[in-house]
Amino acid sequence: MTETDFLVEYIFVVLNASMKNWVAAKIFRRFMEKLDFDMIGHESKRKAIIEASLKYRGWFVSLQRAPDKLAFLETLPWIGEATKYRLVRNLGIDVAKPDRHLLRVARRFGYNDVQEMRRELSEVTGDRVGVVDLALWRACEQGIMRLG
């Protein structure tokens, strides 16, 4: 992972926060093609991405040195309790994001914790936790898996 990879993943996660994935992906693609901050309509997300474009190198170094990567990420603008998991997963660290879809899946199948469910499914399937996370999320997001 490079500093630039970190910045790109940060931008994607910020744009995606509290938004449908397909909408965020469309905005992200347009932004990455033109690199025009005015294309980001949400003012505080735009400010966070501008700040990131100025500070990402230092943030990347701090992330590499941080003993608790999740805690460090949560200090960044627009990265909160849930989005820190998405960002760290996208950066290649094997965790699962406990979003609303996956919390329902975990509860439905008797798990107390999303991480526990994904670790177990990862062991059974032989896939990384992040792969299990993404597969379950996509199934819920696309309505393939309905839980009530």
N, C-alpha and C. Protein backbone atom coordinates (compact mmCIF):
# COMPACT_ATOMS: atom_id res chain seq x y z
N MET A 1 0.84 -1.18 0.00
CA MET A 1 0.00 0.00 0.00
C MET A 1 0.88 1.24 0.00
N THR A 2 0.51 2.17 -0.81
CA THR A 2 1.25 3.43 -0.89
C THR A 2 0.44 4.56 -0.25
N GLU A 3 1.06 5.70 -0.11
CA GLU A 3 0.36 6.89 0.39
C GLU A 3 -0.84 7.22 -0.50
N THR A 4 -0.63 7.10 -1.80
CA THR A 4 -1.70 7.41 -2.75
C THR A 4 -2.85 6.42 -2.60
N ASP A 5 -2.53 5.14 -2.44
CA ASP A 5 -3.58 4.13 -2.21
C ASP A 5 -4.41 4.51 -0.98
N PHE A 6 -3.71 4.92 0.07
CA PHE A 6 -4.38 5.33 1.30
C PHE A 6 -5.34 6.49 1.02
N LEU A 7 -4.87 7.50 0.31
CA LEU A 7 -5.71 8.66 0.01
C LEU A 7 -6.94 8.26 -0.80
N VAL A 8 -6.76 7.44 -1.80
CA VAL A 8 -7.87 7.01 -2.65
C VAL A 8 -8.92 6.25 -1.82
N GLU A 9 -8.47 5.35 -0.96
CA GLU A 9 -9.41 4.60 -0.12
C GLU A 9 -10.12 5.51 0.87
N TYR A 10 -9.38 6.47 1.43
CA TYR A 10 -9.98 7.44 2.35
C TYR A 10 -11.10 8.21 1.63
N ILE A 11 -10.80 8.71 0.44
CA ILE A 11 -11.80 9.47 -0.32
C ILE A 11 -13.04 8.62 -0.58
N PHE A 12 -12.83 7.38 -1.00
CA PHE A 12 -13.97 6.52 -1.29
C PHE A 12 -14.83 6.30 -0.05
N VAL A 13 -14.20 6.02 1.08
CA VAL A 13 -14.95 5.75 2.31
C VAL A 13 -15.69 7.00 2.77
N VAL A 14 -15.07 8.16 2.70
CA VAL A 14 -15.75 9.39 3.09
C VAL A 14 -16.95 9.66 2.18
N LEU A 15 -16.77 9.53 0.89
CA LEU A 15 -17.89 9.75 -0.03
C LEU A 15 -19.01 8.75 0.23
N ASN A 16 -18.67 7.54 0.62
CA ASN A 16 -19.64 6.48 0.81
C ASN A 16 -20.39 6.58 2.13
N ALA A 17 -19.87 7.33 3.09
CA ALA A 17 -20.49 7.41 4.42
C ALA A 17 -21.92 7.93 4.31
N SER A 18 -22.85 7.19 4.90
CA SER A 18 -24.27 7.56 4.94
C SER A 18 -24.88 7.73 3.56
N MET A 19 -24.39 6.95 2.61
CA MET A 19 -24.89 7.08 1.24
C MET A 19 -24.97 5.68 0.61
N LYS A 20 -25.88 5.50 -0.30
CA LYS A 20 -25.95 4.24 -1.04
C LYS A 20 -24.64 4.04 -1.79
N ASN A 21 -24.16 2.82 -1.81
CA ASN A 21 -22.88 2.52 -2.44
C ASN A 21 -22.86 2.92 -3.92
N TRP A 22 -23.93 2.64 -4.65
CA TRP A 22 -23.93 2.95 -6.10
C TRP A 22 -23.86 4.45 -6.35
N VAL A 23 -24.49 5.25 -5.48
CA VAL A 23 -24.43 6.71 -5.63
C VAL A 23 -23.01 7.20 -5.34
N ALA A 24 -22.45 6.72 -4.23
CA ALA A 24 -21.09 7.12 -3.85
C ALA A 24 -20.08 6.71 -4.92
N ALA A 25 -20.23 5.51 -5.47
CA ALA A 25 -19.30 5.03 -6.49
C ALA A 25 -19.34 5.93 -7.73
N LYS A 26 -20.52 6.39 -8.08
CA LYS A 26 -20.68 7.28 -9.24
C LYS A 26 -19.97 8.63 -8.99
N ILE A 27 -20.18 9.20 -7.82
CA ILE A 27 -19.52 10.46 -7.46
C ILE A 27 -18.01 10.26 -7.40
N PHE A 28 -17.59 9.16 -6.81
CA PHE A 28 -16.16 8.85 -6.68
C PHE A 28 -15.50 8.76 -8.06
N ARG A 29 -16.12 8.03 -8.98
CA ARG A 29 -15.55 7.89 -10.33
C ARG A 29 -15.41 9.25 -11.01
N ARG A 30 -16.46 10.05 -10.92
CA ARG A 30 -16.41 11.38 -11.55
C ARG A 30 -15.33 12.25 -10.92
N PHE A 31 -15.26 12.21 -9.59
CA PHE A 31 -14.25 13.01 -8.90
C PHE A 31 -12.85 12.56 -9.29
N MET A 32 -12.59 11.27 -9.32
CA MET A 32 -11.26 10.76 -9.62
C MET A 32 -10.86 11.07 -11.07
N GLU A 33 -11.82 11.15 -11.97
CA GLU A 33 -11.52 11.50 -13.37
C GLU A 33 -11.09 12.95 -13.50
N LYS A 34 -11.76 13.85 -12.79
CA LYS A 34 -11.52 15.28 -12.97
C LYS A 34 -10.74 15.93 -11.83
N LEU A 35 -10.72 15.27 -10.67
CA LEU A 35 -10.08 15.82 -9.46
C LEU A 35 -10.54 17.26 -9.18
N ASP A 36 -11.85 17.44 -9.29
CA ASP A 36 -12.48 18.74 -9.06
C ASP A 36 -13.29 18.66 -7.76
N PHE A 37 -12.81 19.33 -6.72
CA PHE A 37 -13.46 19.26 -5.41
C PHE A 37 -14.89 19.80 -5.45
N ASP A 38 -15.19 20.67 -6.38
CA ASP A 38 -16.55 21.21 -6.48
C ASP A 38 -17.56 20.16 -6.89
N MET A 39 -17.10 19.02 -7.38
CA MET A 39 -17.99 17.92 -7.75
C MET A 39 -18.58 17.24 -6.52
N ILE A 40 -18.00 17.51 -5.35
CA ILE A 40 -18.47 16.90 -4.11
C ILE A 40 -19.47 17.87 -3.49
N GLY A 41 -20.74 17.53 -3.58
CA GLY A 41 -21.79 18.44 -3.15
C GLY A 41 -21.93 18.60 -1.65
N HIS A 42 -21.52 17.61 -0.91
CA HIS A 42 -21.65 17.65 0.55
C HIS A 42 -20.48 18.46 1.12
N GLU A 43 -20.79 19.61 1.69
CA GLU A 43 -19.74 20.56 2.09
C GLU A 43 -18.73 19.98 3.08
N SER A 44 -19.19 19.31 4.13
CA SER A 44 -18.22 18.83 5.12
C SER A 44 -17.41 17.64 4.59
N LYS A 45 -17.99 16.84 3.70
CA LYS A 45 -17.20 15.77 3.06
C LYS A 45 -16.15 16.39 2.14
N ARG A 46 -16.55 17.43 1.40
CA ARG A 46 -15.60 18.11 0.51
C ARG A 46 -14.44 18.68 1.33
N LYS A 47 -14.74 19.33 2.46
CA LYS A 47 -13.69 19.89 3.31
C LYS A 47 -12.76 18.79 3.84
N ALA A 48 -13.33 17.66 4.23
CA ALA A 48 -12.52 16.54 4.74
C ALA A 48 -11.59 16.01 3.65
N ILE A 49 -12.10 15.91 2.43
CA ILE A 49 -11.28 15.39 1.32
C ILE A 49 -10.21 16.39 0.92
N ILE A 50 -10.52 17.67 0.97
CA ILE A 50 -9.49 18.68 0.71
C ILE A 50 -8.40 18.59 1.78
N GLU A 51 -8.81 18.49 3.05
CA GLU A 51 -7.83 18.35 4.13
C GLU A 51 -6.98 17.10 3.92
N ALA A 52 -7.61 16.00 3.55
CA ALA A 52 -6.87 14.76 3.30
C ALA A 52 -5.86 14.93 2.18
N SER A 53 -6.25 15.65 1.13
CA SER A 53 -5.33 15.83 -0.01
C SER A 53 -4.09 16.62 0.39
N LEU A 54 -4.19 17.38 1.47
CA LEU A 54 -3.05 18.15 1.96
C LEU A 54 -2.24 17.39 3.01
N LYS A 55 -2.89 16.50 3.76
CA LYS A 55 -2.25 15.87 4.92
C LYS A 55 -2.05 14.36 4.80
N TYR A 56 -2.45 13.76 3.69
CA TYR A 56 -2.47 12.30 3.62
C TYR A 56 -1.11 11.64 3.83
N ARG A 57 -0.04 12.28 3.43
CA ARG A 57 1.28 11.67 3.62
C ARG A 57 1.59 11.51 5.11
N GLY A 58 1.33 12.54 5.88
CA GLY A 58 1.55 12.47 7.33
C GLY A 58 0.60 11.48 7.99
N TRP A 59 -0.66 11.48 7.53
CA TRP A 59 -1.62 10.52 8.07
C TRP A 59 -1.17 9.09 7.79
N PHE A 60 -0.65 8.86 6.60
CA PHE A 60 -0.21 7.52 6.23
C PHE A 60 0.93 7.06 7.14
N VAL A 61 1.89 7.92 7.37
CA VAL A 61 3.01 7.60 8.26
C VAL A 61 2.48 7.33 9.67
N SER A 62 1.59 8.17 10.15
CA SER A 62 1.02 7.98 11.49
C SER A 62 0.25 6.67 11.58
N LEU A 63 -0.47 6.33 10.54
CA LEU A 63 -1.20 5.06 10.53
C LEU A 63 -0.24 3.88 10.61
N GLN A 64 0.83 3.93 9.85
CA GLN A 64 1.80 2.84 9.88
C GLN A 64 2.41 2.67 11.26
N ARG A 65 2.62 3.76 11.97
CA ARG A 65 3.25 3.72 13.30
C ARG A 65 2.27 3.45 14.42
N ALA A 66 0.99 3.65 14.17
CA ALA A 66 -0.02 3.55 15.24
C ALA A 66 -0.15 2.12 15.75
N PRO A 67 -0.04 1.93 17.07
CA PRO A 67 -0.24 0.59 17.61
C PRO A 67 -1.69 0.13 17.48
N ASP A 68 -2.63 1.08 17.51
CA ASP A 68 -4.05 0.77 17.34
C ASP A 68 -4.54 1.51 16.10
N LYS A 69 -4.51 0.82 14.98
CA LYS A 69 -4.86 1.43 13.69
C LYS A 69 -6.30 1.94 13.67
N LEU A 70 -7.22 1.19 14.25
CA LEU A 70 -8.62 1.61 14.27
C LEU A 70 -8.79 2.91 15.06
N ALA A 71 -8.14 2.99 16.20
CA ALA A 71 -8.23 4.22 17.01
C ALA A 71 -7.65 5.40 16.25
N PHE A 72 -6.53 5.20 15.56
CA PHE A 72 -5.95 6.30 14.80
C PHE A 72 -6.90 6.76 13.69
N LEU A 73 -7.44 5.81 12.93
CA LEU A 73 -8.32 6.18 11.82
C LEU A 73 -9.51 6.98 12.29
N GLU A 74 -10.01 6.67 13.47
CA GLU A 74 -11.19 7.37 13.98
C GLU A 74 -10.90 8.84 14.30
N THR A 75 -9.63 9.23 14.33
CA THR A 75 -9.28 10.63 14.57
C THR A 75 -9.36 11.46 13.28
N LEU A 76 -9.48 10.80 12.13
CA LEU A 76 -9.52 11.51 10.86
C LEU A 76 -10.93 12.04 10.58
N PRO A 77 -11.02 13.16 9.85
CA PRO A 77 -12.34 13.72 9.53
C PRO A 77 -13.21 12.72 8.76
N TRP A 78 -14.46 12.62 9.15
CA TRP A 78 -15.47 11.78 8.54
C TRP A 78 -15.22 10.28 8.72
N ILE A 79 -14.28 9.91 9.56
CA ILE A 79 -14.09 8.49 9.87
C ILE A 79 -14.57 8.28 11.29
N GLY A 80 -15.63 7.49 11.42
CA GLY A 80 -16.24 7.28 12.72
C GLY A 80 -16.23 5.82 13.13
N GLU A 81 -17.09 5.51 14.05
CA GLU A 81 -17.14 4.17 14.65
C GLU A 81 -17.33 3.07 13.61
N ALA A 82 -18.19 3.28 12.63
CA ALA A 82 -18.42 2.25 11.61
C ALA A 82 -17.47 2.39 10.43
N THR A 83 -17.25 3.63 9.97
CA THR A 83 -16.44 3.82 8.76
C THR A 83 -14.98 3.45 8.97
N LYS A 84 -14.49 3.49 10.21
CA LYS A 84 -13.10 3.09 10.45
C LYS A 84 -12.89 1.63 10.05
N TYR A 85 -13.91 0.80 10.25
CA TYR A 85 -13.79 -0.61 9.87
C TYR A 85 -13.75 -0.78 8.36
N ARG A 86 -14.56 0.00 7.67
CA ARG A 86 -14.56 -0.10 6.21
C ARG A 86 -13.22 0.35 5.65
N LEU A 87 -12.69 1.47 6.18
CA LEU A 87 -11.42 1.97 5.69
C LEU A 87 -10.29 1.00 5.99
N VAL A 88 -10.22 0.49 7.19
CA VAL A 88 -9.13 -0.42 7.54
C VAL A 88 -9.22 -1.72 6.73
N ARG A 89 -10.45 -2.17 6.48
CA ARG A 89 -10.62 -3.36 5.63
C ARG A 89 -10.15 -3.07 4.21
N ASN A 90 -10.51 -1.90 3.68
CA ASN A 90 -10.09 -1.52 2.33
C ASN A 90 -8.58 -1.34 2.24
N LEU A 91 -7.95 -1.04 3.37
CA LEU A 91 -6.49 -0.88 3.40
C LEU A 91 -5.78 -2.22 3.52
N GLY A 92 -6.55 -3.31 3.65
CA GLY A 92 -5.94 -4.63 3.65
C GLY A 92 -5.81 -5.29 5.00
N ILE A 93 -6.31 -4.66 6.05
CA ILE A 93 -6.28 -5.27 7.38
C ILE A 93 -7.54 -6.11 7.52
N ASP A 94 -7.40 -7.34 7.97
CA ASP A 94 -8.47 -8.32 7.93
C ASP A 94 -9.47 -8.15 9.06
N VAL A 95 -10.40 -7.22 8.88
CA VAL A 95 -11.49 -7.01 9.84
C VAL A 95 -12.80 -6.91 9.06
N ALA A 96 -13.88 -6.88 9.81
CA ALA A 96 -15.20 -6.76 9.22
C ALA A 96 -15.86 -5.49 9.74
N LYS A 97 -16.64 -4.86 8.89
CA LYS A 97 -17.35 -3.64 9.28
C LYS A 97 -18.71 -4.01 9.86
N PRO A 98 -18.96 -3.65 11.11
CA PRO A 98 -20.25 -4.01 11.73
C PRO A 98 -21.36 -3.04 11.34
N ASP A 99 -21.76 -3.07 10.06
CA ASP A 99 -22.83 -2.17 9.62
C ASP A 99 -24.19 -2.78 9.94
N ARG A 100 -25.24 -2.04 9.64
CA ARG A 100 -26.60 -2.47 10.01
C ARG A 100 -26.98 -3.80 9.38
N HIS A 101 -26.59 -4.02 8.13
CA HIS A 101 -26.92 -5.28 7.47
C HIS A 101 -26.28 -6.46 8.21
N LEU A 102 -25.02 -6.32 8.49
CA LEU A 102 -24.29 -7.45 9.07
C LEU A 102 -24.60 -7.65 10.54
N LEU A 103 -24.99 -6.60 11.23
CA LEU A 103 -25.46 -6.77 12.60
C LEU A 103 -26.74 -7.62 12.61
N ARG A 104 -27.63 -7.39 11.62
CA ARG A 104 -28.85 -8.20 11.51
C ARG A 104 -28.51 -9.66 11.20
N VAL A 105 -27.57 -9.87 10.29
CA VAL A 105 -27.17 -11.24 9.95
C VAL A 105 -26.62 -11.95 11.19
N ALA A 106 -25.74 -11.27 11.91
CA ALA A 106 -25.14 -11.86 13.11
C ALA A 106 -26.22 -12.23 14.13
N ARG A 107 -27.13 -11.30 14.39
CA ARG A 107 -28.20 -11.58 15.37
C ARG A 107 -29.09 -12.73 14.90
N ARG A 108 -29.41 -12.74 13.60
CA ARG A 108 -30.30 -13.77 13.05
C ARG A 108 -29.72 -15.17 13.25
N PHE A 109 -28.39 -15.28 13.18
CA PHE A 109 -27.75 -16.59 13.30
C PHE A 109 -27.12 -16.81 14.67
N GLY A 110 -27.53 -16.00 15.65
CA GLY A 110 -27.16 -16.25 17.03
C GLY A 110 -25.78 -15.79 17.48
N TYR A 111 -25.18 -14.89 16.75
CA TYR A 111 -23.87 -14.36 17.14
C TYR A 111 -24.06 -13.08 17.95
N ASN A 112 -23.20 -12.89 18.93
CA ASN A 112 -23.23 -11.67 19.73
C ASN A 112 -22.41 -10.56 19.09
N ASP A 113 -21.58 -10.93 18.15
CA ASP A 113 -20.58 -10.00 17.65
C ASP A 113 -20.34 -10.28 16.17
N VAL A 114 -20.31 -9.23 15.36
CA VAL A 114 -20.07 -9.37 13.93
C VAL A 114 -18.68 -9.95 13.66
N GLN A 115 -17.69 -9.50 14.41
CA GLN A 115 -16.32 -10.00 14.20
C GLN A 115 -16.25 -11.51 14.46
N GLU A 116 -16.93 -11.96 15.51
CA GLU A 116 -16.95 -13.39 15.83
C GLU A 116 -17.58 -14.19 14.68
N MET A 117 -18.70 -13.71 14.16
CA MET A 117 -19.38 -14.40 13.05
C MET A 117 -18.45 -14.49 11.84
N ARG A 118 -17.81 -13.40 11.51
CA ARG A 118 -16.97 -13.39 10.33
C ARG A 118 -15.72 -14.25 10.49
N ARG A 119 -15.16 -14.23 11.70
CA ARG A 119 -13.99 -15.10 11.94
C ARG A 119 -14.36 -16.56 11.73
N GLU A 120 -15.52 -16.95 12.29
CA GLU A 120 -15.96 -18.34 12.15
C GLU A 120 -16.23 -18.69 10.68
N LEU A 121 -16.93 -17.80 9.97
CA LEU A 121 -17.20 -18.05 8.56
C LEU A 121 -15.91 -18.08 7.74
N SER A 122 -14.97 -17.26 8.11
CA SER A 122 -13.67 -17.24 7.45
C SER A 122 -12.95 -18.58 7.62
N GLU A 123 -12.99 -19.10 8.84
CA GLU A 123 -12.35 -20.40 9.10
C GLU A 123 -13.02 -21.52 8.32
N VAL A 124 -14.35 -21.49 8.26
CA VAL A 124 -15.11 -22.54 7.56
C VAL A 124 -14.87 -22.48 6.06
N THR A 125 -14.88 -21.27 5.49
CA THR A 125 -14.76 -21.14 4.03
C THR A 125 -13.32 -21.08 3.54
N GLY A 126 -12.41 -20.72 4.44
CA GLY A 126 -11.01 -20.54 4.03
C GLY A 126 -10.74 -19.18 3.41
N ASP A 127 -11.75 -18.31 3.39
CA ASP A 127 -11.59 -16.96 2.86
C ASP A 127 -11.18 -16.00 3.97
N ARG A 128 -10.55 -14.90 3.59
CA ARG A 128 -10.19 -13.87 4.56
C ARG A 128 -11.46 -13.25 5.14
N VAL A 129 -11.35 -12.71 6.34
CA VAL A 129 -12.48 -12.06 7.00
C VAL A 129 -13.03 -10.94 6.12
N GLY A 130 -12.16 -10.16 5.50
CA GLY A 130 -12.60 -9.06 4.64
C GLY A 130 -13.40 -9.54 3.45
N VAL A 131 -13.07 -10.71 2.91
CA VAL A 131 -13.82 -11.28 1.79
C VAL A 131 -15.20 -11.72 2.26
N VAL A 132 -15.27 -12.38 3.41
CA VAL A 132 -16.55 -12.80 3.98
C VAL A 132 -17.41 -11.56 4.24
N ASP A 133 -16.80 -10.53 4.81
CA ASP A 133 -17.48 -9.28 5.10
C ASP A 133 -18.12 -8.70 3.84
N LEU A 134 -17.33 -8.58 2.81
CA LEU A 134 -17.80 -7.99 1.57
C LEU A 134 -18.90 -8.84 0.92
N ALA A 135 -18.74 -10.15 0.93
CA ALA A 135 -19.74 -11.03 0.32
C ALA A 135 -21.08 -10.93 1.05
N LEU A 136 -21.05 -10.93 2.38
CA LEU A 136 -22.29 -10.82 3.14
C LEU A 136 -22.94 -9.45 2.93
N TRP A 137 -22.13 -8.41 2.96
CA TRP A 137 -22.65 -7.06 2.78
C TRP A 137 -23.31 -6.92 1.41
N ARG A 138 -22.64 -7.39 0.36
CA ARG A 138 -23.21 -7.28 -0.99
C ARG A 138 -24.52 -8.05 -1.10
N ALA A 139 -24.56 -9.23 -0.50
CA ALA A 139 -25.79 -10.03 -0.55
C ALA A 139 -26.95 -9.29 0.13
N CYS A 140 -26.67 -8.63 1.23
CA CYS A 140 -27.71 -7.85 1.92
C CYS A 140 -28.06 -6.60 1.12
N GLU A 141 -27.06 -5.87 0.67
CA GLU A 141 -27.24 -4.62 -0.06
C GLU A 141 -28.06 -4.82 -1.34
N GLN A 142 -27.84 -5.94 -2.02
CA GLN A 142 -28.53 -6.21 -3.28
C GLN A 142 -29.84 -6.98 -3.08
N GLY A 143 -30.19 -7.24 -1.83
CA GLY A 143 -31.46 -7.93 -1.55
C GLY A 143 -31.41 -9.43 -1.77
N ILE A 144 -30.24 -9.99 -1.99
CA ILE A 144 -30.10 -11.43 -2.19
C ILE A 144 -30.37 -12.15 -0.88
N MET A 145 -29.94 -11.55 0.23
CA MET A 145 -30.16 -12.11 1.55
C MET A 145 -31.10 -11.17 2.29
N ARG A 146 -32.29 -11.63 2.55
CA ARG A 146 -33.28 -10.82 3.28
C ARG A 146 -33.51 -11.45 4.65
N LEU A 147 -33.47 -10.59 5.66
CA LEU A 147 -33.59 -11.11 7.02
C LEU A 147 -34.77 -10.51 7.78
N GLY A 148 -35.73 -10.04 7.09
CA GLY A 148 -36.91 -9.55 7.79
C GLY A 148 -37.15 -8.15 7.70
